[in-house]
All heavy atoms as atom14 arrays in JSON, in Angstrom:
{
  "sequence": "DLADQSLKLAFSKGINFFDCADAYSGGAAERFLGKAL",
  "atom14_mask": [
    [1, 1, 1, 1, 1, 1, 1, 1, 0, 0, 0, 0, 0, 0],
    [1, 1, 1, 1, 1, 1, 1, 1, 0, 0, 0, 0, 0, 0],
    [1, 1, 1, 1, 1, 0, 0, 0, 0, 0, 0, 0, 0, 0],
    [1, 1, 1, 1, 1, 1, 1, 1, 0, 0, 0, 0, 0, 0],
    [1, 1, 1, 1, 1, 1, 1, 1, 1, 0, 0, 0, 0, 0],
    [1, 1, 1, 1, 1, 1, 0, 0, 0, 0, 0, 0, 0, 0],
    [1, 1, 1, 1, 1, 1, 1, 1, 0, 0, 0, 0, 0, 0],
    [1, 1, 1, 1, 1, 1, 1, 1, 1, 0, 0, 0, 0, 0],
    [1, 1, 1, 1, 1, 1, 1, 1, 0, 0, 0, 0, 0, 0],
    [1, 1, 1, 1, 1, 0, 0, 0, 0, 0, 0, 0, 0, 0],
    [1, 1, 1, 1, 1, 1, 1, 1, 1, 1, 1, 0, 0, 0],
    [1, 1, 1, 1, 1, 1, 0, 0, 0, 0, 0, 0, 0, 0],
    [1, 1, 1, 1, 1, 1, 1, 1, 1, 0, 0, 0, 0, 0],
    [1, 1, 1, 1, 0, 0, 0, 0, 0, 0, 0, 0, 0, 0],
    [1, 1, 1, 1, 1, 1, 1, 1, 0, 0, 0, 0, 0, 0],
    [1, 1, 1, 1, 1, 1, 1, 1, 0, 0, 0, 0, 0, 0],
    [1, 1, 1, 1, 1, 1, 1, 1, 1, 1, 1, 0, 0, 0],
    [1, 1, 1, 1, 1, 1, 1, 1, 1, 1, 1, 0, 0, 0],
    [1, 1, 1, 1, 1, 1, 1, 1, 0, 0, 0, 0, 0, 0],
    [1, 1, 1, 1, 1, 1, 0, 0, 0, 0, 0, 0, 0, 0],
    [1, 1, 1, 1, 1, 0, 0, 0, 0, 0, 0, 0, 0, 0],
    [1, 1, 1, 1, 1, 1, 1, 1, 0, 0, 0, 0, 0, 0],
    [1, 1, 1, 1, 1, 0, 0, 0, 0, 0, 0, 0, 0, 0],
    [1, 1, 1, 1, 1, 1, 1, 1, 1, 1, 1, 1, 0, 0],
    [1, 1, 1, 1, 1, 1, 0, 0, 0, 0, 0, 0, 0, 0],
    [1, 1, 1, 1, 0, 0, 0, 0, 0, 0, 0, 0, 0, 0],
    [1, 1, 1, 1, 0, 0, 0, 0, 0, 0, 0, 0, 0, 0],
    [1, 1, 1, 1, 1, 0, 0, 0, 0, 0, 0, 0, 0, 0],
    [1, 1, 1, 1, 1, 0, 0, 0, 0, 0, 0, 0, 0, 0],
    [1, 1, 1, 1, 1, 1, 1, 1, 1, 0, 0, 0, 0, 0],
    [1, 1, 1, 1, 1, 1, 1, 1, 1, 1, 1, 0, 0, 0],
    [1, 1, 1, 1, 1, 1, 1, 1, 1, 1, 1, 0, 0, 0],
    [1, 1, 1, 1, 1, 1, 1, 1, 0, 0, 0, 0, 0, 0],
    [1, 1, 1, 1, 0, 0, 0, 0, 0, 0, 0, 0, 0, 0],
    [1, 1, 1, 1, 1, 1, 1, 1, 1, 0, 0, 0, 0, 0],
    [1, 1, 1, 1, 1, 0, 0, 0, 0, 0, 0, 0, 0, 0],
    [1, 1, 1, 1, 1, 1, 1, 1, 0, 0, 0, 0, 0, 0]
  ],
  "atom14_positions": [
    [[-14.55, -9.6, 16.69], [-13.83, -10.85, 16.28], [-14.06, -10.99, 14.78], [-13.03, -11.41, 14.12], [-14.38, -11.97, 17.04], [-13.93, -12.01, 18.59], [-13.07, -11.23, 18.85], [-14.59, -12.69, 19.36], [0.0, 0.0, 0.0], [0.0, 0.0, 0.0], [0.0, 0.0, 0.0], [0.0, 0.0, 0.0], [0.0, 0.0, 0.0], [0.0, 0.0, 0.0]],
    [[-15.13, -10.86, 14.22], [-15.47, -11.05, 12.8], [-14.62, -10.1, 12.02], [-13.97, -10.43, 11.0], [-16.91, -10.82, 12.46], [-17.31, -11.03, 11.06], [-16.96, -12.38, 10.55], [-18.79, -10.64, 10.89], [0.0, 0.0, 0.0], [0.0, 0.0, 0.0], [0.0, 0.0, 0.0], [0.0, 0.0, 0.0], [0.0, 0.0, 0.0], [0.0, 0.0, 0.0]],
    [[-14.48, -8.84, 12.36], [-13.69, -7.79, 11.71], [-12.21, -8.14, 11.78], [-11.51, -8.0, 10.78], [-13.95, -6.47, 12.27], [0.0, 0.0, 0.0], [0.0, 0.0, 0.0], [0.0, 0.0, 0.0], [0.0, 0.0, 0.0], [0.0, 0.0, 0.0], [0.0, 0.0, 0.0], [0.0, 0.0, 0.0], [0.0, 0.0, 0.0], [0.0, 0.0, 0.0]],
    [[-11.75, -8.62, 12.92], [-10.42, -9.07, 13.08], [-10.05, -10.25, 12.2], [-8.98, -10.2, 11.55], [-10.16, -9.46, 14.54], [-8.59, -9.57, 14.77], [-7.91, -8.72, 14.51], [-8.24, -10.67, 15.42], [0.0, 0.0, 0.0], [0.0, 0.0, 0.0], [0.0, 0.0, 0.0], [0.0, 0.0, 0.0], [0.0, 0.0, 0.0], [0.0, 0.0, 0.0]],
    [[-10.96, -11.2, 12.11], [-10.75, -12.33, 11.23], [-10.66, -11.95, 9.76], [-9.92, -12.49, 8.98], [-11.88, -13.33, 11.44], [-11.83, -14.1, 12.83], [-13.09, -14.97, 13.11], [-13.82, -15.28, 12.13], [-13.37, -15.21, 14.31], [0.0, 0.0, 0.0], [0.0, 0.0, 0.0], [0.0, 0.0, 0.0], [0.0, 0.0, 0.0], [0.0, 0.0, 0.0]],
    [[-11.49, -11.01, 9.43], [-11.51, -10.42, 8.05], [-10.24, -9.75, 7.72], [-9.58, -10.02, 6.59], [-12.71, -9.42, 7.82], [-13.89, -10.0, 8.1], [0.0, 0.0, 0.0], [0.0, 0.0, 0.0], [0.0, 0.0, 0.0], [0.0, 0.0, 0.0], [0.0, 0.0, 0.0], [0.0, 0.0, 0.0], [0.0, 0.0, 0.0], [0.0, 0.0, 0.0]],
    [[-9.64, -9.08, 8.69], [-8.31, -8.42, 8.41], [-7.24, -9.51, 8.29], [-6.5, -9.38, 7.38], [-7.89, -7.5, 9.57], [-8.66, -6.16, 9.67], [-8.39, -5.53, 11.02], [-8.11, -5.31, 8.61], [0.0, 0.0, 0.0], [0.0, 0.0, 0.0], [0.0, 0.0, 0.0], [0.0, 0.0, 0.0], [0.0, 0.0, 0.0], [0.0, 0.0, 0.0]],
    [[-7.17, -10.56, 9.07], [-6.22, -11.54, 9.02], [-6.34, -12.35, 7.74], [-5.27, -12.71, 7.05], [-6.4, -12.59, 10.21], [-5.9, -11.89, 11.54], [-6.15, -12.87, 12.67], [-5.68, -12.19, 14.04], [-6.14, -13.03, 15.19], [0.0, 0.0, 0.0], [0.0, 0.0, 0.0], [0.0, 0.0, 0.0], [0.0, 0.0, 0.0], [0.0, 0.0, 0.0]],
    [[-7.55, -12.66, 7.31], [-7.8, -13.36, 6.01], [-7.27, -12.46, 4.87], [-6.52, -12.94, 3.97], [-9.17, -13.72, 5.85], [-9.54, -14.4, 4.54], [-8.78, -15.77, 4.5], [-11.05, -14.66, 4.46], [0.0, 0.0, 0.0], [0.0, 0.0, 0.0], [0.0, 0.0, 0.0], [0.0, 0.0, 0.0], [0.0, 0.0, 0.0], [0.0, 0.0, 0.0]],
    [[-7.63, -11.22, 4.8], [-7.22, -10.32, 3.86], [-5.63, -10.3, 3.67], [-5.09, -10.41, 2.56], [-7.75, -8.93, 4.03], [0.0, 0.0, 0.0], [0.0, 0.0, 0.0], [0.0, 0.0, 0.0], [0.0, 0.0, 0.0], [0.0, 0.0, 0.0], [0.0, 0.0, 0.0], [0.0, 0.0, 0.0], [0.0, 0.0, 0.0], [0.0, 0.0, 0.0]],
    [[-5.01, -10.05, 4.84], [-3.62, -9.97, 4.77], [-2.93, -11.32, 4.31], [-1.95, -11.32, 3.57], [-3.03, -9.67, 6.22], [-1.56, -9.33, 6.26], [-1.07, -8.17, 5.9], [-0.65, -10.36, 6.76], [0.34, -8.01, 5.83], [0.7, -10.14, 6.81], [1.13, -8.86, 6.37], [0.0, 0.0, 0.0], [0.0, 0.0, 0.0], [0.0, 0.0, 0.0]],
    [[-3.5, -12.45, 4.8], [-2.98, -13.75, 4.44], [-3.12, -14.02, 2.88], [-2.45, -14.75, 2.3], [-3.61, -14.97, 5.18], [-4.99, -15.1, 4.75], [0.0, 0.0, 0.0], [0.0, 0.0, 0.0], [0.0, 0.0, 0.0], [0.0, 0.0, 0.0], [0.0, 0.0, 0.0], [0.0, 0.0, 0.0], [0.0, 0.0, 0.0], [0.0, 0.0, 0.0]],
    [[-4.09, -13.35, 2.25], [-4.35, -13.57, 0.81], [-3.54, -12.45, 0.0], [-3.75, -12.34, -1.24], [-5.8, -13.39, 0.51], [-6.69, -14.51, 1.2], [-6.3, -15.98, 0.63], [-7.11, -17.05, 1.21], [-6.66, -18.31, 0.8], [0.0, 0.0, 0.0], [0.0, 0.0, 0.0], [0.0, 0.0, 0.0], [0.0, 0.0, 0.0], [0.0, 0.0, 0.0]],
    [[-2.79, -11.66, 0.7], [-1.88, -10.76, -0.07], [-2.43, -9.32, -0.07], [-1.76, -8.45, -0.69], [0.0, 0.0, 0.0], [0.0, 0.0, 0.0], [0.0, 0.0, 0.0], [0.0, 0.0, 0.0], [0.0, 0.0, 0.0], [0.0, 0.0, 0.0], [0.0, 0.0, 0.0], [0.0, 0.0, 0.0], [0.0, 0.0, 0.0], [0.0, 0.0, 0.0]],
    [[-3.49, -9.08, 0.5], [-4.03, -7.63, 0.53], [-3.07, -6.86, 1.55], [-2.89, -7.24, 2.65], [-5.47, -7.6, 1.0], [-6.42, -8.13, -0.13], [-5.89, -6.1, 1.31], [-7.87, -8.17, 0.32], [0.0, 0.0, 0.0], [0.0, 0.0, 0.0], [0.0, 0.0, 0.0], [0.0, 0.0, 0.0], [0.0, 0.0, 0.0], [0.0, 0.0, 0.0]],
    [[-2.51, -5.82, 0.86], [-1.61, -4.9, 1.74], [-2.19, -3.6, 2.02], [-1.54, -2.77, 2.7], [-0.19, -4.97, 1.15], [-0.09, -3.96, -0.13], [-1.17, -3.65, -0.77], [1.13, -3.64, -0.49], [0.0, 0.0, 0.0], [0.0, 0.0, 0.0], [0.0, 0.0, 0.0], [0.0, 0.0, 0.0], [0.0, 0.0, 0.0], [0.0, 0.0, 0.0]],
    [[-3.2, -3.33, 1.27], [-3.79, -1.91, 1.43], [-5.04, -1.8, 2.24], [-6.1, -2.48, 1.97], [-4.22, -1.5, -0.08], [-4.66, -0.02, -0.28], [-4.53, 0.92, 0.76], [-5.2, 0.38, -1.49], [-4.89, 2.2, 0.54], [-5.48, 1.66, -1.73], [-5.41, 2.57, -0.67], [0.0, 0.0, 0.0], [0.0, 0.0, 0.0], [0.0, 0.0, 0.0]],
    [[-4.95, -1.13, 3.4], [-6.01, -0.97, 4.3], [-6.48, 0.42, 4.49], [-5.58, 1.33, 4.79], [-5.48, -1.59, 5.73], [-5.21, -2.97, 5.6], [-3.99, -3.44, 5.31], [-6.32, -3.98, 5.87], [-3.68, -4.76, 5.28], [-5.94, -5.3, 5.79], [-4.67, -5.77, 5.46], [0.0, 0.0, 0.0], [0.0, 0.0, 0.0], [0.0, 0.0, 0.0]],
    [[-7.69, 0.79, 4.3], [-8.28, 2.05, 4.17], [-9.26, 2.27, 5.32], [-9.99, 1.53, 5.75], [-8.92, 2.34, 2.87], [-9.55, 3.62, 2.71], [-8.76, 4.59, 2.8], [-10.75, 3.8, 2.53], [0.0, 0.0, 0.0], [0.0, 0.0, 0.0], [0.0, 0.0, 0.0], [0.0, 0.0, 0.0], [0.0, 0.0, 0.0], [0.0, 0.0, 0.0]],
    [[-9.22, 3.56, 5.87], [-10.16, 3.91, 6.87], [-10.43, 5.44, 6.73], [-10.09, 6.14, 5.71], [-9.58, 3.73, 8.24], [-10.82, 3.55, 9.53], [0.0, 0.0, 0.0], [0.0, 0.0, 0.0], [0.0, 0.0, 0.0], [0.0, 0.0, 0.0], [0.0, 0.0, 0.0], [0.0, 0.0, 0.0], [0.0, 0.0, 0.0], [0.0, 0.0, 0.0]],
    [[-11.12, 6.03, 7.65], [-11.41, 7.47, 7.68], [-11.58, 7.92, 9.17], [-12.07, 7.15, 9.91], [-12.55, 7.92, 6.79], [0.0, 0.0, 0.0], [0.0, 0.0, 0.0], [0.0, 0.0, 0.0], [0.0, 0.0, 0.0], [0.0, 0.0, 0.0], [0.0, 0.0, 0.0], [0.0, 0.0, 0.0], [0.0, 0.0, 0.0], [0.0, 0.0, 0.0]],
    [[-11.23, 9.2, 9.39], [-11.35, 9.81, 10.8], [-12.78, 9.66, 11.31], [-13.0, 9.54, 12.51], [-10.66, 11.07, 10.98], [-11.23, 12.05, 9.96], [-12.19, 11.81, 9.27], [-10.69, 13.24, 10.04], [0.0, 0.0, 0.0], [0.0, 0.0, 0.0], [0.0, 0.0, 0.0], [0.0, 0.0, 0.0], [0.0, 0.0, 0.0], [0.0, 0.0, 0.0]],
    [[-13.72, 9.79, 10.47], [-15.14, 9.93, 10.84], [-15.88, 8.61, 11.0], [-16.94, 8.61, 11.42], [-15.89, 10.87, 9.9], [0.0, 0.0, 0.0], [0.0, 0.0, 0.0], [0.0, 0.0, 0.0], [0.0, 0.0, 0.0], [0.0, 0.0, 0.0], [0.0, 0.0, 0.0], [0.0, 0.0, 0.0], [0.0, 0.0, 0.0], [0.0, 0.0, 0.0]],
    [[-15.31, 7.58, 10.45], [-15.94, 6.22, 10.38], [-16.19, 5.84, 11.85], [-15.29, 5.66, 12.69], [-15.2, 5.08, 9.7], [-15.05, 5.36, 8.16], [-14.18, 4.58, 7.49], [-15.85, 6.22, 7.5], [-14.05, 4.68, 6.07], [-15.72, 6.47, 6.1], [-14.84, 5.66, 5.43], [-14.69, 5.76, 4.04], [0.0, 0.0, 0.0], [0.0, 0.0, 0.0]],
    [[-17.5, 5.51, 12.22], [-17.94, 5.13, 13.54], [-17.36, 6.04, 14.64], [-16.98, 5.62, 15.69], [-17.44, 3.72, 13.8], [-17.99, 2.78, 12.84], [0.0, 0.0, 0.0], [0.0, 0.0, 0.0], [0.0, 0.0, 0.0], [0.0, 0.0, 0.0], [0.0, 0.0, 0.0], [0.0, 0.0, 0.0], [0.0, 0.0, 0.0], [0.0, 0.0, 0.0]],
    [[-17.25, 7.36, 14.33], [-16.82, 8.33, 15.35], [-15.47, 8.15, 15.77], [-15.0, 8.48, 16.9], [0.0, 0.0, 0.0], [0.0, 0.0, 0.0], [0.0, 0.0, 0.0], [0.0, 0.0, 0.0], [0.0, 0.0, 0.0], [0.0, 0.0, 0.0], [0.0, 0.0, 0.0], [0.0, 0.0, 0.0], [0.0, 0.0, 0.0], [0.0, 0.0, 0.0]],
    [[-14.6, 7.57, 14.89], [-13.19, 7.29, 15.27], [-12.94, 5.87, 15.68], [-11.85, 5.41, 15.73], [0.0, 0.0, 0.0], [0.0, 0.0, 0.0], [0.0, 0.0, 0.0], [0.0, 0.0, 0.0], [0.0, 0.0, 0.0], [0.0, 0.0, 0.0], [0.0, 0.0, 0.0], [0.0, 0.0, 0.0], [0.0, 0.0, 0.0], [0.0, 0.0, 0.0]],
    [[-14.02, 5.2, 16.1], [-13.83, 3.63, 16.49], [-13.26, 2.83, 15.46], [-12.5, 1.9, 15.87], [-15.2, 3.23, 16.97], [0.0, 0.0, 0.0], [0.0, 0.0, 0.0], [0.0, 0.0, 0.0], [0.0, 0.0, 0.0], [0.0, 0.0, 0.0], [0.0, 0.0, 0.0], [0.0, 0.0, 0.0], [0.0, 0.0, 0.0], [0.0, 0.0, 0.0]],
    [[-13.61, 3.06, 14.17], [-13.1, 2.22, 13.15], [-11.49, 2.32, 13.0], [-10.82, 1.33, 12.84], [-13.78, 2.53, 11.87], [0.0, 0.0, 0.0], [0.0, 0.0, 0.0], [0.0, 0.0, 0.0], [0.0, 0.0, 0.0], [0.0, 0.0, 0.0], [0.0, 0.0, 0.0], [0.0, 0.0, 0.0], [0.0, 0.0, 0.0], [0.0, 0.0, 0.0]],
    [[-11.0, 3.58, 13.07], [-9.56, 3.77, 13.16], [-8.9, 3.17, 14.32], [-7.89, 2.44, 14.2], [-9.25, 5.37, 13.19], [-9.19, 5.94, 11.77], [-8.67, 7.47, 11.84], [-8.7, 8.0, 12.93], [-8.42, 7.91, 10.79], [0.0, 0.0, 0.0], [0.0, 0.0, 0.0], [0.0, 0.0, 0.0], [0.0, 0.0, 0.0], [0.0, 0.0, 0.0]],
    [[-9.49, 3.26, 15.53], [-8.93, 2.75, 16.63], [-8.88, 1.25, 16.61], [-7.92, 0.54, 16.99], [-9.68, 3.12, 17.92], [-9.49, 4.7, 18.24], [-10.07, 5.08, 19.68], [-11.54, 5.0, 19.64], [-12.37, 5.97, 19.27], [-11.84, 7.05, 18.67], [-13.71, 5.82, 19.27], [0.0, 0.0, 0.0], [0.0, 0.0, 0.0], [0.0, 0.0, 0.0]],
    [[-9.96, 0.62, 16.0], [-9.95, -0.77, 15.83], [-8.88, -1.28, 14.92], [-8.11, -2.23, 15.2], [-11.35, -1.3, 15.44], [-11.39, -2.81, 14.96], [-11.37, -3.76, 15.96], [-11.19, -3.12, 13.71], [-11.36, -5.1, 15.7], [-11.09, -4.48, 13.35], [-11.26, -5.45, 14.31], [0.0, 0.0, 0.0], [0.0, 0.0, 0.0], [0.0, 0.0, 0.0]],
    [[-8.81, -0.66, 13.76], [-7.93, -1.03, 12.75], [-6.41, -0.85, 13.27], [-5.63, -1.75, 12.94], [-8.06, -0.04, 11.54], [-7.26, -0.43, 10.27], [-7.63, -1.83, 9.74], [-7.59, 0.62, 9.1], [0.0, 0.0, 0.0], [0.0, 0.0, 0.0], [0.0, 0.0, 0.0], [0.0, 0.0, 0.0], [0.0, 0.0, 0.0], [0.0, 0.0, 0.0]],
    [[-6.17, 0.22, 13.93], [-4.82, 0.38, 14.6], [-4.44, -0.76, 15.43], [-3.25, -1.21, 15.39], [0.0, 0.0, 0.0], [0.0, 0.0, 0.0], [0.0, 0.0, 0.0], [0.0, 0.0, 0.0], [0.0, 0.0, 0.0], [0.0, 0.0, 0.0], [0.0, 0.0, 0.0], [0.0, 0.0, 0.0], [0.0, 0.0, 0.0], [0.0, 0.0, 0.0]],
    [[-5.35, -1.1, 16.25], [-5.07, -2.2, 17.21], [-4.95, -3.54, 16.49], [-4.0, -4.37, 16.73], [-6.21, -2.34, 18.15], [-5.98, -3.42, 19.26], [-7.2, -3.44, 20.23], [-6.97, -4.53, 21.27], [-8.25, -4.63, 22.16], [0.0, 0.0, 0.0], [0.0, 0.0, 0.0], [0.0, 0.0, 0.0], [0.0, 0.0, 0.0], [0.0, 0.0, 0.0]],
    [[-5.69, -3.78, 15.51], [-5.78, -5.13, 14.84], [-4.54, -5.24, 13.87], [-3.92, -6.29, 13.78], [-7.02, -5.26, 13.97], [0.0, 0.0, 0.0], [0.0, 0.0, 0.0], [0.0, 0.0, 0.0], [0.0, 0.0, 0.0], [0.0, 0.0, 0.0], [0.0, 0.0, 0.0], [0.0, 0.0, 0.0], [0.0, 0.0, 0.0], [0.0, 0.0, 0.0]],
    [[-4.02, -4.14, 13.32], [-2.94, -4.18, 12.37], [-1.63, -4.31, 13.1], [-0.56, -4.54, 12.43], [-2.98, -2.98, 11.5], [-3.97, -3.01, 10.37], [-3.99, -1.73, 9.56], [-4.0, -4.19, 9.46], [0.0, 0.0, 0.0], [0.0, 0.0, 0.0], [0.0, 0.0, 0.0], [0.0, 0.0, 0.0], [0.0, 0.0, 0.0], [0.0, 0.0, 0.0]]
  ]
}
């Protein structure tokens, strides 16, 4: 929930660049980012 709120706040403030990597958290970070975006 905290990570999701951070994404929403970033987007609302004009951030359009979201970065990840295949190895972050064993792929969980990419899966989360994909769902949240």
